[in-house]
Amino acid sequence: MKKRKLDRLIEEATVDAYDESEQAAGFMAMMEDNMTCPFTARVVGELVDVEGFDSKGCTPVIYAVCRRNRKKYFAEVTTLEWEGKPPKGAEWIDAYKAWAGME
């Protein structure tokens, strides 16, 4: 994804945030608003259904709420991998990774 688009998404997610936790909450809101759950992803090589997102409190880390074999797991959204075409709205995860210094 082009840096200019990532910068635009980062600005949109963090525009009214005062600290790192509020900025992460902005990204989580954008993921919830723009990504249709459930969708399929890989986490450590295993296929999971991503059912939603959670911050597990006031941390700047966003977790994907995953289900596999009727068990619920939490995985950092930065660990999600796509089997093929990314799900609609996946650019918000790319923007979050760039904001977190991972891109």
PDB file of N, CA and C in Angstrom:
ATOM      1  N   MET A   1       0.843  -1.172   0.000  1.00  0.00           N
ATOM      2  CA  MET A   1       0.000   0.000   0.000  1.00  0.00           C
ATOM      3  C   MET A   1       0.892   1.240   0.000  1.00  0.00           C
ATOM      4  N   LYS A   2       0.489   2.233  -0.709  1.00  0.00           N
ATOM      5  CA  LYS A   2       1.285   3.449  -0.830  1.00  0.00           C
ATOM      6  C   LYS A   2       1.330   4.219   0.482  1.00  0.00           C
ATOM      7  N   LYS A   3       2.495   4.794   0.757  1.00  0.00           N
ATOM      8  CA  LYS A   3       2.703   5.528   2.002  1.00  0.00           C
ATOM      9  C   LYS A   3       1.692   6.658   2.174  1.00  0.00           C
ATOM     10  N   ARG A   4       1.365   7.336   1.098  1.00  0.00           N
ATOM     11  CA  ARG A   4       0.427   8.462   1.190  1.00  0.00           C
ATOM     12  C   ARG A   4      -0.949   7.989   1.675  1.00  0.00           C
ATOM     13  N   LYS A   5      -1.409   6.841   1.153  1.00  0.00           N
ATOM     14  CA  LYS A   5      -2.704   6.309   1.593  1.00  0.00           C
ATOM     15  C   LYS A   5      -2.630   5.874   3.052  1.00  0.00           C
ATOM     16  N   LEU A   6      -1.539   5.214   3.434  1.00  0.00           N
ATOM     17  CA  LEU A   6      -1.378   4.814   4.832  1.00  0.00           C
ATOM     18  C   LEU A   6      -1.384   6.032   5.742  1.00  0.00           C
ATOM     19  N   ASP A   7      -0.667   7.074   5.357  1.00  0.00           N
ATOM     20  CA  ASP A   7      -0.638   8.302   6.157  1.00  0.00           C
ATOM     21  C   ASP A   7      -2.037   8.894   6.315  1.00  0.00           C
ATOM     22  N   ARG A   8      -2.830   8.857   5.248  1.00  0.00           N
ATOM     23  CA  ARG A   8      -4.197   9.381   5.292  1.00  0.00           C
ATOM     24  C   ARG A   8      -5.059   8.562   6.261  1.00  0.00           C
ATOM     25  N   LEU A   9      -4.913   7.235   6.205  1.00  0.00           N
ATOM     26  CA  LEU A   9      -5.677   6.370   7.105  1.00  0.00           C
ATOM     27  C   LEU A   9      -5.245   6.578   8.562  1.00  0.00           C
ATOM     28  N   ILE A  10      -3.954   6.699   8.784  1.00  0.00           N
ATOM     29  CA  ILE A  10      -3.443   6.937  10.144  1.00  0.00           C
ATOM     30  C   ILE A  10      -3.998   8.241  10.684  1.00  0.00           C
ATOM     31  N   GLU A  11      -3.998   9.276   9.870  1.00  0.00           N
ATOM     32  CA  GLU A  11      -4.540  10.574  10.291  1.00  0.00           C
ATOM     33  C   GLU A  11      -6.020  10.450  10.644  1.00  0.00           C
ATOM     34  N   GLU A  12      -6.769   9.732   9.817  1.00  0.00           N
ATOM     35  CA  GLU A  12      -8.204   9.563  10.065  1.00  0.00           C
ATOM     36  C   GLU A  12      -8.468   8.825  11.374  1.00  0.00           C
ATOM     37  N   ALA A  13      -7.675   7.801  11.657  1.00  0.00           N
ATOM     38  CA  ALA A  13      -7.884   6.989  12.866  1.00  0.00           C
ATOM     39  C   ALA A  13      -7.460   7.713  14.138  1.00  0.00           C
ATOM     40  N   THR A  14      -6.493   8.615  14.030  1.00  0.00           N
ATOM     41  CA  THR A  14      -5.896   9.206  15.241  1.00  0.00           C
ATOM     42  C   THR A  14      -6.205  10.687  15.418  1.00  0.00           C
ATOM     43  N   VAL A  15      -7.047  11.253  14.586  1.00  0.00           N
ATOM     44  CA  VAL A  15      -7.259  12.701  14.536  1.00  0.00           C
ATOM     45  C   VAL A  15      -7.612  13.317  15.893  1.00  0.00           C
ATOM     46  N   ASP A  16      -8.440  12.707  16.686  1.00  0.00           N
ATOM     47  CA  ASP A  16      -8.863  13.297  17.958  1.00  0.00           C
ATOM     48  C   ASP A  16      -8.253  12.606  19.172  1.00  0.00           C
ATOM     49  N   ALA A  17      -7.209  11.829  18.965  1.00  0.00           N
ATOM     50  CA  ALA A  17      -6.609  11.048  20.055  1.00  0.00           C
ATOM     51  C   ALA A  17      -5.483  11.821  20.721  1.00  0.00           C
ATOM     52  N   TYR A  18      -5.402  11.686  22.038  1.00  0.00           N
ATOM     53  CA  TYR A  18      -4.379  12.406  22.798  1.00  0.00           C
ATOM     54  C   TYR A  18      -3.172  11.564  23.159  1.00  0.00           C
ATOM     55  N   ASP A  19      -3.336  10.252  23.261  1.00  0.00           N
ATOM     56  CA  ASP A  19      -2.202   9.411  23.625  1.00  0.00           C
ATOM     57  C   ASP A  19      -2.255   8.112  22.821  1.00  0.00           C
ATOM     58  N   GLU A  20      -1.281   7.256  23.061  1.00  0.00           N
ATOM     59  CA  GLU A  20      -1.148   6.014  22.309  1.00  0.00           C
ATOM     60  C   GLU A  20      -2.370   5.103  22.455  1.00  0.00           C
ATOM     61  N   SER A  21      -2.922   5.003  23.648  1.00  0.00           N
ATOM     62  CA  SER A  21      -4.090   4.146  23.864  1.00  0.00           C
ATOM     63  C   SER A  21      -5.304   4.668  23.104  1.00  0.00           C
ATOM     64  N   GLU A  22      -5.503   5.975  23.100  1.00  0.00           N
ATOM     65  CA  GLU A  22      -6.622   6.556  22.351  1.00  0.00           C
ATOM     66  C   GLU A  22      -6.414   6.394  20.852  1.00  0.00           C
ATOM     67  N   GLN A  23      -5.174   6.483  20.392  1.00  0.00           N
ATOM     68  CA  GLN A  23      -4.890   6.285  18.975  1.00  0.00           C
ATOM     69  C   GLN A  23      -5.206   4.846  18.573  1.00  0.00           C
ATOM     70  N   ALA A  24      -4.787   3.880  19.392  1.00  0.00           N
ATOM     71  CA  ALA A  24      -5.091   2.475  19.117  1.00  0.00           C
ATOM     72  C   ALA A  24      -6.597   2.243  19.119  1.00  0.00           C
ATOM     73  N   ALA A  25      -7.308   2.910  20.039  1.00  0.00           N
ATOM     74  CA  ALA A  25      -8.775   2.787  20.074  1.00  0.00           C
ATOM     75  C   ALA A  25      -9.379   3.323  18.772  1.00  0.00           C
ATOM     76  N   GLY A  26      -8.783   4.367  18.213  1.00  0.00           N
ATOM     77  CA  GLY A  26      -9.245   4.886  16.928  1.00  0.00           C
ATOM     78  C   GLY A  26      -9.077   3.862  15.818  1.00  0.00           C
ATOM     79  N   PHE A  27      -7.949   3.170  15.809  1.00  0.00           N
ATOM     80  CA  PHE A  27      -7.739   2.110  14.809  1.00  0.00           C
ATOM     81  C   PHE A  27      -8.736   0.970  15.000  1.00  0.00           C
ATOM     82  N   MET A  28      -8.981   0.592  16.252  1.00  0.00           N
ATOM     83  CA  MET A  28      -9.912  -0.493  16.497  1.00  0.00           C
ATOM     84  C   MET A  28     -11.318  -0.101  16.016  1.00  0.00           C
ATOM     85  N   ALA A  29     -11.718   1.133  16.254  1.00  0.00           N
ATOM     86  CA  ALA A  29     -13.026   1.601  15.789  1.00  0.00           C
ATOM     87  C   ALA A  29     -13.102   1.537  14.265  1.00  0.00           C
ATOM     88  N   MET A  30     -12.023   1.917  13.592  1.00  0.00           N
ATOM     89  CA  MET A  30     -12.014   1.863  12.128  1.00  0.00           C
ATOM     90  C   MET A  30     -12.095   0.415  11.625  1.00  0.00           C
ATOM     91  N   MET A  31     -11.410  -0.502  12.310  1.00  0.00           N
ATOM     92  CA  MET A  31     -11.485  -1.911  11.930  1.00  0.00           C
ATOM     93  C   MET A  31     -12.906  -2.434  12.126  1.00  0.00           C
ATOM     94  N   GLU A  32     -13.505  -2.103  13.270  1.00  0.00           N
ATOM     95  CA  GLU A  32     -14.868  -2.561  13.542  1.00  0.00           C
ATOM     96  C   GLU A  32     -15.864  -1.994  12.530  1.00  0.00           C
ATOM     97  N   ASP A  33     -15.662  -0.734  12.138  1.00  0.00           N
ATOM     98  CA  ASP A  33     -16.589  -0.080  11.205  1.00  0.00           C
ATOM     99  C   ASP A  33     -16.394  -0.517   9.758  1.00  0.00           C
ATOM    100  N   ASN A  34     -15.185  -0.927   9.391  1.00  0.00           N
ATOM    101  CA  ASN A  34     -14.874  -1.155   7.979  1.00  0.00           C
ATOM    102  C   ASN A  34     -14.577  -2.594   7.590  1.00  0.00           C
ATOM    103  N   MET A  35     -14.473  -3.480   8.566  1.00  0.00           N
ATOM    104  CA  MET A  35     -14.198  -4.883   8.259  1.00  0.00           C
ATOM    105  C   MET A  35     -15.410  -5.724   8.644  1.00  0.00           C
ATOM    106  N   THR A  36     -15.892  -6.511   7.709  1.00  0.00           N
ATOM    107  CA  THR A  36     -17.050  -7.356   7.956  1.00  0.00           C
ATOM    108  C   THR A  36     -16.583  -8.679   8.561  1.00  0.00           C
ATOM    109  N   CYS A  37     -17.024  -8.933   9.770  1.00  0.00           N
ATOM    110  CA  CYS A  37     -16.688 -10.174  10.460  1.00  0.00           C
ATOM    111  C   CYS A  37     -17.885 -11.108  10.389  1.00  0.00           C
ATOM    112  N   PRO A  38     -17.667 -12.405  10.356  1.00  0.00           N
ATOM    113  CA  PRO A  38     -16.362 -13.060  10.425  1.00  0.00           C
ATOM    114  C   PRO A  38     -15.687 -13.099   9.052  1.00  0.00           C
ATOM    115  N   PHE A  39     -14.366 -13.222   9.113  1.00  0.00           N
ATOM    116  CA  PHE A  39     -13.566 -13.481   7.925  1.00  0.00           C
ATOM    117  C   PHE A  39     -12.481 -14.470   8.305  1.00  0.00           C
ATOM    118  N   THR A  40     -11.922 -15.118   7.314  1.00  0.00           N
ATOM    119  CA  THR A  40     -10.925 -16.153   7.552  1.00  0.00           C
ATOM    120  C   THR A  40      -9.527 -15.574   7.416  1.00  0.00           C
ATOM    121  N   ALA A  41      -8.654 -15.979   8.331  1.00  0.00           N
ATOM    122  CA  ALA A  41      -7.254 -15.570   8.295  1.00  0.00           C
ATOM    123  C   ALA A  41      -6.412 -16.724   8.840  1.00  0.00           C
ATOM    124  N   ARG A  42      -5.128 -16.564   8.715  1.00  0.00           N
ATOM    125  CA  ARG A  42      -4.195 -17.525   9.320  1.00  0.00           C
ATOM    126  C   ARG A  42      -3.504 -16.853  10.496  1.00  0.00           C
ATOM    127  N   VAL A  43      -3.347 -17.623  11.562  1.00  0.00           N
ATOM    128  CA  VAL A  43      -2.571 -17.209  12.727  1.00  0.00           C
ATOM    129  C   VAL A  43      -1.627 -18.359  13.016  1.00  0.00           C
ATOM    130  N   VAL A  44      -0.351 -18.098  13.025  1.00  0.00           N
ATOM    131  CA  VAL A  44       0.699 -19.116  13.158  1.00  0.00           C
ATOM    132  C   VAL A  44       0.409 -20.350  12.303  1.00  0.00           C
ATOM    133  N   GLY A  45       0.003 -20.094  11.074  1.00  0.00           N
ATOM    134  CA  GLY A  45      -0.202 -21.159  10.114  1.00  0.00           C
ATOM    135  C   GLY A  45      -1.553 -21.850  10.171  1.00  0.00           C
ATOM    136  N   GLU A  46      -2.366 -21.550  11.144  1.00  0.00           N
ATOM    137  CA  GLU A  46      -3.667 -22.200  11.305  1.00  0.00           C
ATOM    138  C   GLU A  46      -4.785 -21.283  10.837  1.00  0.00           C
ATOM    139  N   LEU A  47      -5.754 -21.845  10.109  1.00  0.00           N
ATOM    140  CA  LEU A  47      -6.920 -21.069   9.693  1.00  0.00           C
ATOM    141  C   LEU A  47      -7.827 -20.809  10.888  1.00  0.00           C
ATOM    142  N   VAL A  48      -8.262 -19.576  11.022  1.00  0.00           N
ATOM    143  CA  VAL A  48      -9.188 -19.180  12.081  1.00  0.00           C
ATOM    144  C   VAL A  48     -10.272 -18.302  11.472  1.00  0.00           C
ATOM    145  N   ASP A  49     -11.390 -18.197  12.158  1.00  0.00           N
ATOM    146  CA  ASP A  49     -12.428 -17.242  11.810  1.00  0.00           C
ATOM    147  C   ASP A  49     -12.275 -16.058  12.752  1.00  0.00           C
ATOM    148  N   VAL A  50     -12.056 -14.890  12.188  1.00  0.00           N
ATOM    149  CA  VAL A  50     -11.945 -13.677  12.998  1.00  0.00           C
ATOM    150  C   VAL A  50     -13.356 -13.144  13.202  1.00  0.00           C
ATOM    151  N   GLU A  51     -13.774 -13.071  14.467  1.00  0.00           N
ATOM    152  CA  GLU A  51     -15.138 -12.681  14.810  1.00  0.00           C
ATOM    153  C   GLU A  51     -15.261 -11.229  15.227  1.00  0.00           C
ATOM    154  N   GLY A  52     -14.146 -10.574  15.517  1.00  0.00           N
ATOM    155  CA  GLY A  52     -14.196  -9.192  15.970  1.00  0.00           C
ATOM    156  C   GLY A  52     -12.845  -8.754  16.482  1.00  0.00           C
ATOM    157  N   PHE A  53     -12.851  -7.650  17.224  1.00  0.00           N
ATOM    158  CA  PHE A  53     -11.616  -7.051  17.717  1.00  0.00           C
ATOM    159  C   PHE A  53     -11.791  -6.670  19.179  1.00  0.00           C
ATOM    160  N   ASP A  54     -10.684  -6.638  19.915  1.00  0.00           N
ATOM    161  CA  ASP A  54     -10.718  -6.325  21.342  1.00  0.00           C
ATOM    162  C   ASP A  54      -9.395  -5.684  21.724  1.00  0.00           C
ATOM    163  N   SER A  55      -9.448  -4.761  22.665  1.00  0.00           N
ATOM    164  CA  SER A  55      -8.207  -4.139  23.148  1.00  0.00           C
ATOM    165  C   SER A  55      -7.783  -4.714  24.492  1.00  0.00           C
ATOM    166  N   LYS A  56      -8.627  -5.542  25.088  1.00  0.00           N
ATOM    167  CA  LYS A  56      -8.348  -6.156  26.399  1.00  0.00           C
ATOM    168  C   LYS A  56      -7.987  -5.100  27.436  1.00  0.00           C
ATOM    169  N   GLY A  57      -8.704  -4.019  27.459  1.00  0.00           N
ATOM    170  CA  GLY A  57      -8.446  -2.955  28.426  1.00  0.00           C
ATOM    171  C   GLY A  57      -7.905  -1.718  27.751  1.00  0.00           C
ATOM    172  N   CYS A  58      -7.031  -1.048  28.417  1.00  0.00           N
ATOM    173  CA  CYS A  58      -6.530   0.239  27.919  1.00  0.00           C
ATOM    174  C   CYS A  58      -5.136   0.141  27.316  1.00  0.00           C
ATOM    175  N   THR A  59      -4.844  -0.938  26.645  1.00  0.00           N
ATOM    176  CA  THR A  59      -3.521  -1.073  26.052  1.00  0.00           C
ATOM    177  C   THR A  59      -3.554  -0.577  24.618  1.00  0.00           C
ATOM    178  N   PRO A  60      -2.402  -0.226  24.048  1.00  0.00           N
ATOM    179  CA  PRO A  60      -2.383   0.174  22.638  1.00  0.00           C
ATOM    180  C   PRO A  60      -2.331  -1.018  21.675  1.00  0.00           C
ATOM    181  N   VAL A  61      -2.506  -2.229  22.182  1.00  0.00           N
ATOM    182  CA  VAL A  61      -2.460  -3.423  21.338  1.00  0.00           C
ATOM    183  C   VAL A  61      -3.889  -3.833  20.980  1.00  0.00           C
ATOM    184  N   ILE A  62      -4.110  -4.131  19.688  1.00  0.00           N
ATOM    185  CA  ILE A  62      -5.422  -4.579  19.235  1.00  0.00           C
ATOM    186  C   ILE A  62      -5.344  -6.070  18.947  1.00  0.00           C
ATOM    187  N   TYR A  63      -6.316  -6.790  19.471  1.00  0.00           N
ATOM    188  CA  TYR A  63      -6.376  -8.228  19.287  1.00  0.00           C
ATOM    189  C   TYR A  63      -7.526  -8.591  18.359  1.00  0.00           C
ATOM    190  N   ALA A  64      -7.318  -9.630  17.557  1.00  0.00           N
ATOM    191  CA  ALA A  64      -8.391 -10.229  16.781  1.00  0.00           C
ATOM    192  C   ALA A  64      -9.012 -11.315  17.650  1.00  0.00           C
ATOM    193  N   VAL A  65     -10.319 -11.319  17.733  1.00  0.00           N
ATOM    194  CA  VAL A  65     -11.037 -12.362  18.453  1.00  0.00           C
ATOM    195  C   VAL A  65     -11.259 -13.483  17.440  1.00  0.00           C
ATOM    196  N   CYS A  66     -10.584 -14.597  17.670  1.00  0.00           N
ATOM    197  CA  CYS A  66     -10.569 -15.688  16.700  1.00  0.00           C
ATOM    198  C   CYS A  66     -11.278 -16.921  17.249  1.00  0.00           C
ATOM    199  N   ARG A  67     -11.809 -17.713  16.339  1.00  0.00           N
ATOM    200  CA  ARG A  67     -12.427 -18.974  16.720  1.00  0.00           C
ATOM    201  C   ARG A  67     -11.871 -20.067  15.820  1.00  0.00           C
ATOM    202  N   ARG A  68     -11.505 -21.172  16.457  1.00  0.00           N
ATOM    203  CA  ARG A  68     -11.041 -22.356  15.741  1.00  0.00           C
ATOM    204  C   ARG A  68     -11.503 -23.568  16.523  1.00  0.00           C
ATOM    205  N   ASN A  69     -12.161 -24.471  15.840  1.00  0.00           N
ATOM    206  CA  ASN A  69     -12.674 -25.688  16.493  1.00  0.00           C
ATOM    207  C   ASN A  69     -13.477 -25.371  17.758  1.00  0.00           C
ATOM    208  N   ARG A  70     -14.357 -24.408  17.651  1.00  0.00           N
ATOM    209  CA  ARG A  70     -15.258 -23.992  18.733  1.00  0.00           C
ATOM    210  C   ARG A  70     -14.557 -23.377  19.945  1.00  0.00           C
ATOM    211  N   LYS A  71     -13.267 -23.106  19.831  1.00  0.00           N
ATOM    212  CA  LYS A  71     -12.539 -22.448  20.919  1.00  0.00           C
ATOM    213  C   LYS A  71     -12.221 -21.022  20.512  1.00  0.00           C
ATOM    214  N   LYS A  72     -12.258 -20.128  21.483  1.00  0.00           N
ATOM    215  CA  LYS A  72     -12.008 -18.707  21.260  1.00  0.00           C
ATOM    216  C   LYS A  72     -10.568 -18.378  21.649  1.00  0.00           C
ATOM    217  N   TYR A  73      -9.910 -17.608  20.789  1.00  0.00           N
ATOM    218  CA  TYR A  73      -8.521 -17.201  21.018  1.00  0.00           C
ATOM    219  C   TYR A  73      -8.387 -15.709  20.733  1.00  0.00           C
ATOM    220  N   PHE A  74      -7.355 -15.118  21.293  1.00  0.00           N
ATOM    221  CA  PHE A  74      -7.012 -13.734  20.990  1.00  0.00           C
ATOM    222  C   PHE A  74      -5.632 -13.730  20.353  1.00  0.00           C
ATOM    223  N   ALA A  75      -5.508 -13.053  19.231  1.00  0.00           N
ATOM    224  CA  ALA A  75      -4.216 -12.930  18.547  1.00  0.00           C
ATOM    225  C   ALA A  75      -4.036 -11.473  18.150  1.00  0.00           C
ATOM    226  N   GLU A  76      -2.834 -10.966  18.295  1.00  0.00           N
ATOM    227  CA  GLU A  76      -2.599  -9.590  17.873  1.00  0.00           C
ATOM    228  C   GLU A  76      -2.939  -9.466  16.392  1.00  0.00           C
ATOM    229  N   VAL A  77      -3.647  -8.398  16.025  1.00  0.00           N
ATOM    230  CA  VAL A  77      -4.060  -8.252  14.624  1.00  0.00           C
ATOM    231  C   VAL A  77      -2.857  -8.193  13.693  1.00  0.00           C
ATOM    232  N   THR A  78      -1.712  -7.807  14.207  1.00  0.00           N
ATOM    233  CA  THR A  78      -0.518  -7.731  13.367  1.00  0.00           C
ATOM    234  C   THR A  78      -0.016  -9.102  12.944  1.00  0.00           C
ATOM    235  N   THR A  79      -0.526 -10.168  13.574  1.00  0.00           N
ATOM    236  CA  THR A  79      -0.091 -11.525  13.231  1.00  0.00           C
ATOM    237  C   THR A  79      -0.997 -12.188  12.200  1.00  0.00           C
ATOM    238  N   LEU A  80      -2.099 -11.531  11.832  1.00  0.00           N
ATOM    239  CA  LEU A  80      -3.021 -12.116  10.864  1.00  0.00           C
ATOM    240  C   LEU A  80      -2.384 -12.166   9.487  1.00  0.00           C
ATOM    241  N   GLU A  81      -2.591 -13.289   8.811  1.00  0.00           N
ATOM    242  CA  GLU A  81      -2.126 -13.467   7.435  1.00  0.00           C
ATOM    243  C   GLU A  81      -3.325 -13.848   6.584  1.00  0.00           C
ATOM    244  N   TRP A  82      -3.286 -13.464   5.309  1.00  0.00           N
ATOM    245  CA  TRP A  82      -4.402 -13.741   4.402  1.00  0.00           C
ATOM    246  C   TRP A  82      -4.095 -14.961   3.561  1.00  0.00           C
ATOM    247  N   GLU A  83      -5.100 -15.777   3.377  1.00  0.00           N
ATOM    248  CA  GLU A  83      -5.003 -16.982   2.560  1.00  0.00           C
ATOM    249  C   GLU A  83      -4.933 -16.613   1.079  1.00  0.00           C
ATOM    250  N   GLY A  84      -5.605 -15.596   0.698  1.00  0.00           N
ATOM    251  CA  GLY A  84      -5.636 -15.107  -0.681  1.00  0.00           C
ATOM    252  C   GLY A  84      -5.815 -13.604  -0.635  1.00  0.00           C
ATOM    253  N   LYS A  85      -6.902 -13.169  -1.214  1.00  0.00           N
ATOM    254  CA  LYS A  85      -7.237 -11.746  -1.205  1.00  0.00           C
ATOM    255  C   LYS A  85      -7.585 -11.312   0.225  1.00  0.00           C
ATOM    256  N   PRO A  86      -7.032 -10.188   0.691  1.00  0.00           N
ATOM    257  CA  PRO A  86      -7.359  -9.713   2.044  1.00  0.00           C
ATOM    258  C   PRO A  86      -8.851  -9.377   2.161  1.00  0.00           C
ATOM    259  N   PRO A  87      -9.402  -9.463   3.360  1.00  0.00           N
ATOM    260  CA  PRO A  87     -10.809  -9.109   3.536  1.00  0.00           C
ATOM    261  C   PRO A  87     -11.027  -7.608   3.329  1.00  0.00           C
ATOM    262  N   LYS A  88     -12.252  -7.249   3.041  1.00  0.00           N
ATOM    263  CA  LYS A  88     -12.607  -5.845   2.888  1.00  0.00           C
ATOM    264  C   LYS A  88     -12.221  -5.085   4.155  1.00  0.00           C
ATOM    265  N   GLY A  89     -11.543  -3.961   3.992  1.00  0.00           N
ATOM    266  CA  GLY A  89     -11.148  -3.136   5.126  1.00  0.00           C
ATOM    267  C   GLY A  89      -9.784  -3.473   5.707  1.00  0.00           C
ATOM    268  N   ALA A  90      -9.094  -4.464   5.135  1.00  0.00           N
ATOM    269  CA  ALA A  90      -7.792  -4.890   5.672  1.00  0.00           C
ATOM    270  C   ALA A  90      -6.754  -3.768   5.646  1.00  0.00           C
ATOM    271  N   GLU A  91      -7.011  -2.728   4.856  1.00  0.00           N
ATOM    272  CA  GLU A  91      -6.070  -1.606   4.829  1.00  0.00           C
ATOM    273  C   GLU A  91      -5.963  -0.928   6.195  1.00  0.00           C
ATOM    274  N   TRP A  92      -6.983  -1.086   7.038  1.00  0.00           N
ATOM    275  CA  TRP A  92      -6.906  -0.517   8.390  1.00  0.00           C
ATOM    276  C   TRP A  92      -5.891  -1.267   9.244  1.00  0.00           C
ATOM    277  N   ILE A  93      -5.746  -2.564   9.023  1.00  0.00           N
ATOM    278  CA  ILE A  93      -4.706  -3.318   9.731  1.00  0.00           C
ATOM    279  C   ILE A  93      -3.335  -2.898   9.206  1.00  0.00           C
ATOM    280  N   ASP A  94      -3.218  -2.685   7.899  1.00  0.00           N
ATOM    281  CA  ASP A  94      -1.955  -2.193   7.329  1.00  0.00           C
ATOM    282  C   ASP A  94      -1.589  -0.838   7.919  1.00  0.00           C
ATOM    283  N   ALA A  95      -2.578   0.053   8.055  1.00  0.00           N
ATOM    284  CA  ALA A  95      -2.327   1.379   8.627  1.00  0.00           C
ATOM    285  C   ALA A  95      -1.915   1.259  10.096  1.00  0.00           C
ATOM    286  N   TYR A  96      -2.566   0.370  10.838  1.00  0.00           N
ATOM    287  CA  TYR A  96      -2.209   0.151  12.237  1.00  0.00           C
ATOM    288  C   TYR A  96      -0.770  -0.353  12.354  1.00  0.00           C
ATOM    289  N   LYS A  97      -0.387  -1.281  11.465  1.00  0.00           N
ATOM    290  CA  LYS A  97       0.993  -1.779  11.463  1.00  0.00           C
ATOM    291  C   LYS A  97       1.975  -0.645  11.180  1.00  0.00           C
ATOM    292  N   ALA A  98       1.651   0.204  10.216  1.00  0.00           N
ATOM    293  CA  ALA A  98       2.539   1.336   9.885  1.00  0.00           C
ATOM    294  C   ALA A  98       2.640   2.282  11.074  1.00  0.00           C
ATOM    295  N   TRP A  99       1.517   2.571  11.713  1.00  0.00           N
ATOM    296  CA  TRP A  99       1.507   3.445  12.895  1.00  0.00           C
ATOM    297  C   TRP A  99       2.364   2.858  14.014  1.00  0.00           C
ATOM    298  N   ALA A 100       2.302   1.538  14.161  1.00  0.00           N
ATOM    299  CA  ALA A 100       3.056   0.851  15.222  1.00  0.00           C
ATOM    300  C   ALA A 100       4.522   0.629  14.845  1.00  0.00           C
ATOM    301  N   GLY A 101       4.916   1.087  13.634  1.00  0.00           N
ATOM    302  CA  GLY A 101       6.302   0.948  13.212  1.00  0.00           C
ATOM    303  C   GLY A 101       6.643  -0.413  12.661  1.00  0.00           C
ATOM    304  N   MET A 102       5.642  -1.155  12.204  1.00  0.00           N
ATOM    305  CA  MET A 102       5.869  -2.513  11.719  1.00  0.00           C
ATOM    306  C   MET A 102       5.885  -2.604  10.209  1.00  0.00           C
ATOM    307  N   GLU A 103       5.633  -1.541   9.514  1.00  0.00           N
ATOM    308  CA  GLU A 103       5.615  -1.559   8.028  1.00  0.00           C
ATOM    309  C   GLU A 103       6.757  -0.721   7.515  1.00  0.00           C
TER     310      GLU A 103
END
